[in-house]
Amino acid sequence: MSSAQYAYVGPVSGELLSLGGAVLVHDDPAEMAWLMPTMRVIRLPKADMGRPLMRLRDHPDLAAVSWPLNREEFR
């Protein structure tokens, strides 16, 4: 993974969103914001870089998505 990673913050919990204990991350905050426009995207703090991480592209529900995103596929 690249050094700069971004994560979603849960709107109610204020916690980093995760799946199976791994924080969901991506290296392009604009793509993250486009995928989920109502979610807050933050740069993953260095303190959290040691936690288990899962790239968005590895999320089971996003297996059919091409990366980098081709927004035309979503229309």
N, C-alpha and C. Protein backbone atom coordinates (compact mmCIF):
# COMPACT_ATOMS: atom_id res chain seq x y z
N MET A 1 0.85 -1.18 0.00
CA MET A 1 0.00 0.00 0.00
C MET A 1 0.89 1.24 0.00
N SER A 2 0.38 2.30 -0.64
CA SER A 2 1.14 3.54 -0.62
C SER A 2 1.12 4.11 0.79
N SER A 3 2.00 5.08 1.05
CA SER A 3 2.11 5.61 2.40
C SER A 3 0.88 6.42 2.81
N ALA A 4 0.26 7.17 1.88
CA ALA A 4 -0.92 7.95 2.22
C ALA A 4 -2.17 7.11 2.00
N GLN A 5 -2.88 6.86 3.06
CA GLN A 5 -4.11 6.09 2.99
C GLN A 5 -5.23 6.92 3.60
N TYR A 6 -6.41 6.73 3.08
CA TYR A 6 -7.58 7.48 3.53
C TYR A 6 -8.63 6.48 3.99
N ALA A 7 -9.47 6.92 4.93
CA ALA A 7 -10.47 6.03 5.51
C ALA A 7 -11.77 6.78 5.70
N TYR A 8 -12.85 6.03 5.81
CA TYR A 8 -14.16 6.60 6.13
C TYR A 8 -14.31 6.65 7.64
N VAL A 9 -15.04 7.68 8.10
CA VAL A 9 -15.39 7.80 9.51
C VAL A 9 -16.89 7.62 9.63
N GLY A 10 -17.30 6.73 10.51
CA GLY A 10 -18.73 6.49 10.72
C GLY A 10 -19.43 7.74 11.21
N PRO A 11 -20.59 8.09 10.63
CA PRO A 11 -21.27 9.32 10.99
C PRO A 11 -21.81 9.34 12.41
N VAL A 12 -22.14 8.20 12.95
CA VAL A 12 -22.69 8.14 14.30
C VAL A 12 -21.60 7.78 15.30
N SER A 13 -20.82 6.75 14.99
CA SER A 13 -19.81 6.26 15.93
C SER A 13 -18.57 7.14 15.99
N GLY A 14 -18.25 7.82 14.88
CA GLY A 14 -17.02 8.59 14.83
C GLY A 14 -15.79 7.71 14.70
N GLU A 15 -16.02 6.41 14.51
CA GLU A 15 -14.92 5.44 14.39
C GLU A 15 -14.61 5.18 12.92
N LEU A 16 -13.39 4.71 12.66
CA LEU A 16 -13.02 4.33 11.31
C LEU A 16 -13.83 3.11 10.89
N LEU A 17 -14.38 3.14 9.67
CA LEU A 17 -15.17 2.00 9.20
C LEU A 17 -14.25 0.83 8.89
N SER A 18 -14.71 -0.35 9.26
CA SER A 18 -13.89 -1.55 9.09
C SER A 18 -14.76 -2.72 8.68
N LEU A 19 -14.10 -3.76 8.22
CA LEU A 19 -14.76 -5.02 7.90
C LEU A 19 -13.91 -6.12 8.49
N GLY A 20 -14.49 -6.92 9.34
CA GLY A 20 -13.75 -8.00 9.97
C GLY A 20 -12.55 -7.52 10.77
N GLY A 21 -12.64 -6.32 11.32
CA GLY A 21 -11.55 -5.77 12.12
C GLY A 21 -10.49 -5.02 11.33
N ALA A 22 -10.61 -5.01 10.00
CA ALA A 22 -9.64 -4.30 9.15
C ALA A 22 -10.24 -2.99 8.68
N VAL A 23 -9.52 -1.89 8.91
CA VAL A 23 -9.98 -0.57 8.50
C VAL A 23 -10.00 -0.50 6.98
N LEU A 24 -11.11 -0.02 6.42
CA LEU A 24 -11.24 0.14 4.97
C LEU A 24 -10.46 1.37 4.52
N VAL A 25 -9.52 1.20 3.60
CA VAL A 25 -8.67 2.31 3.16
C VAL A 25 -8.58 2.35 1.64
N HIS A 26 -8.20 3.52 1.16
CA HIS A 26 -7.99 3.72 -0.28
C HIS A 26 -6.98 4.86 -0.41
N ASP A 27 -6.28 4.91 -1.54
CA ASP A 27 -5.26 5.94 -1.71
C ASP A 27 -5.77 7.18 -2.44
N ASP A 28 -7.06 7.21 -2.81
CA ASP A 28 -7.62 8.35 -3.52
C ASP A 28 -8.86 8.86 -2.79
N PRO A 29 -8.72 9.94 -2.02
CA PRO A 29 -9.86 10.44 -1.26
C PRO A 29 -11.01 10.92 -2.14
N ALA A 30 -10.71 11.41 -3.35
CA ALA A 30 -11.77 11.86 -4.25
C ALA A 30 -12.63 10.69 -4.70
N GLU A 31 -12.01 9.55 -4.98
CA GLU A 31 -12.79 8.36 -5.35
C GLU A 31 -13.65 7.91 -4.19
N MET A 32 -13.10 7.95 -2.99
CA MET A 32 -13.88 7.55 -1.82
C MET A 32 -15.10 8.45 -1.64
N ALA A 33 -14.88 9.75 -1.76
CA ALA A 33 -15.97 10.71 -1.59
C ALA A 33 -17.02 10.51 -2.68
N TRP A 34 -16.59 10.17 -3.89
CA TRP A 34 -17.53 9.95 -4.97
C TRP A 34 -18.36 8.68 -4.73
N LEU A 35 -17.72 7.63 -4.23
CA LEU A 35 -18.42 6.38 -3.97
C LEU A 35 -19.47 6.54 -2.87
N MET A 36 -19.12 7.26 -1.83
CA MET A 36 -20.02 7.43 -0.68
C MET A 36 -20.02 8.91 -0.29
N PRO A 37 -20.80 9.72 -1.02
CA PRO A 37 -20.75 11.17 -0.83
C PRO A 37 -21.21 11.67 0.54
N THR A 38 -21.95 10.87 1.26
CA THR A 38 -22.42 11.33 2.58
C THR A 38 -21.45 10.97 3.71
N MET A 39 -20.39 10.26 3.38
CA MET A 39 -19.42 9.84 4.40
C MET A 39 -18.26 10.81 4.46
N ARG A 40 -17.72 10.97 5.66
CA ARG A 40 -16.53 11.81 5.84
C ARG A 40 -15.30 10.94 5.55
N VAL A 41 -14.39 11.48 4.77
CA VAL A 41 -13.14 10.81 4.42
C VAL A 41 -12.00 11.56 5.10
N ILE A 42 -11.13 10.81 5.79
CA ILE A 42 -9.98 11.43 6.44
C ILE A 42 -8.70 10.71 6.03
N ARG A 43 -7.60 11.42 6.13
CA ARG A 43 -6.31 10.76 5.96
C ARG A 43 -6.10 9.88 7.18
N LEU A 44 -5.73 8.64 6.96
CA LEU A 44 -5.55 7.70 8.06
C LEU A 44 -4.40 8.19 8.94
N PRO A 45 -4.67 8.43 10.21
CA PRO A 45 -3.60 8.89 11.11
C PRO A 45 -2.48 7.85 11.21
N LYS A 46 -1.25 8.33 11.31
CA LYS A 46 -0.10 7.42 11.42
C LYS A 46 -0.27 6.44 12.58
N ALA A 47 -0.94 6.88 13.62
CA ALA A 47 -1.15 6.01 14.78
C ALA A 47 -1.99 4.79 14.42
N ASP A 48 -2.80 4.90 13.37
CA ASP A 48 -3.65 3.78 12.97
C ASP A 48 -3.04 2.93 11.86
N MET A 49 -1.88 3.31 11.35
CA MET A 49 -1.26 2.57 10.24
C MET A 49 -0.85 1.15 10.65
N GLY A 50 -0.67 0.90 11.93
CA GLY A 50 -0.30 -0.43 12.39
C GLY A 50 -1.48 -1.38 12.53
N ARG A 51 -2.68 -0.86 12.41
CA ARG A 51 -3.89 -1.69 12.50
C ARG A 51 -4.05 -2.51 11.23
N PRO A 52 -4.81 -3.60 11.29
CA PRO A 52 -5.12 -4.33 10.05
C PRO A 52 -5.88 -3.41 9.10
N LEU A 53 -5.48 -3.42 7.83
CA LEU A 53 -6.11 -2.58 6.82
C LEU A 53 -6.65 -3.44 5.69
N MET A 54 -7.73 -2.98 5.07
CA MET A 54 -8.28 -3.65 3.89
C MET A 54 -8.50 -2.58 2.83
N ARG A 55 -7.88 -2.76 1.68
CA ARG A 55 -8.10 -1.84 0.58
C ARG A 55 -9.54 -1.98 0.10
N LEU A 56 -10.15 -0.86 -0.30
CA LEU A 56 -11.52 -0.92 -0.81
C LEU A 56 -11.65 -1.92 -1.94
N ARG A 57 -10.63 -1.99 -2.80
CA ARG A 57 -10.68 -2.93 -3.93
C ARG A 57 -10.74 -4.38 -3.48
N ASP A 58 -10.37 -4.66 -2.24
CA ASP A 58 -10.41 -6.03 -1.71
C ASP A 58 -11.70 -6.33 -0.95
N HIS A 59 -12.56 -5.33 -0.78
CA HIS A 59 -13.85 -5.54 -0.10
C HIS A 59 -14.70 -6.47 -0.97
N PRO A 60 -15.27 -7.51 -0.40
CA PRO A 60 -16.04 -8.49 -1.20
C PRO A 60 -17.16 -7.86 -2.03
N ASP A 61 -17.81 -6.82 -1.53
CA ASP A 61 -18.90 -6.19 -2.26
C ASP A 61 -18.42 -5.31 -3.41
N LEU A 62 -17.12 -5.07 -3.49
CA LEU A 62 -16.57 -4.23 -4.56
C LEU A 62 -15.72 -5.03 -5.54
N ALA A 63 -15.86 -6.34 -5.52
CA ALA A 63 -15.05 -7.21 -6.37
C ALA A 63 -15.26 -6.96 -7.86
N ALA A 64 -16.45 -6.52 -8.25
CA ALA A 64 -16.75 -6.31 -9.67
C ALA A 64 -16.37 -4.91 -10.16
N VAL A 65 -15.86 -4.07 -9.27
CA VAL A 65 -15.52 -2.70 -9.63
C VAL A 65 -14.11 -2.63 -10.20
N SER A 66 -13.95 -1.86 -11.28
CA SER A 66 -12.62 -1.65 -11.87
C SER A 66 -11.91 -0.53 -11.12
N TRP A 67 -10.61 -0.69 -10.92
CA TRP A 67 -9.80 0.32 -10.23
C TRP A 67 -8.64 0.71 -11.11
N PRO A 68 -8.28 1.99 -11.22
CA PRO A 68 -9.01 3.11 -10.64
C PRO A 68 -10.43 3.17 -11.19
N LEU A 69 -11.29 3.85 -10.43
CA LEU A 69 -12.70 3.88 -10.79
C LEU A 69 -12.93 4.44 -12.19
N ASN A 70 -13.81 3.79 -12.90
CA ASN A 70 -14.30 4.30 -14.17
C ASN A 70 -15.75 4.70 -13.88
N ARG A 71 -15.96 5.98 -13.65
CA ARG A 71 -17.29 6.44 -13.23
C ARG A 71 -18.37 6.13 -14.25
N GLU A 72 -18.00 5.95 -15.49
CA GLU A 72 -18.97 5.61 -16.53
C GLU A 72 -19.63 4.27 -16.25
N GLU A 73 -18.94 3.38 -15.55
CA GLU A 73 -19.50 2.07 -15.22
C GLU A 73 -20.66 2.16 -14.23
N PHE A 74 -20.80 3.31 -13.58
CA PHE A 74 -21.82 3.47 -12.54
C PHE A 74 -23.07 4.18 -13.06
N ARG A 75 -23.08 4.53 -14.32
CA ARG A 75 -24.24 5.29 -14.84
C ARG A 75 -25.27 4.38 -15.42
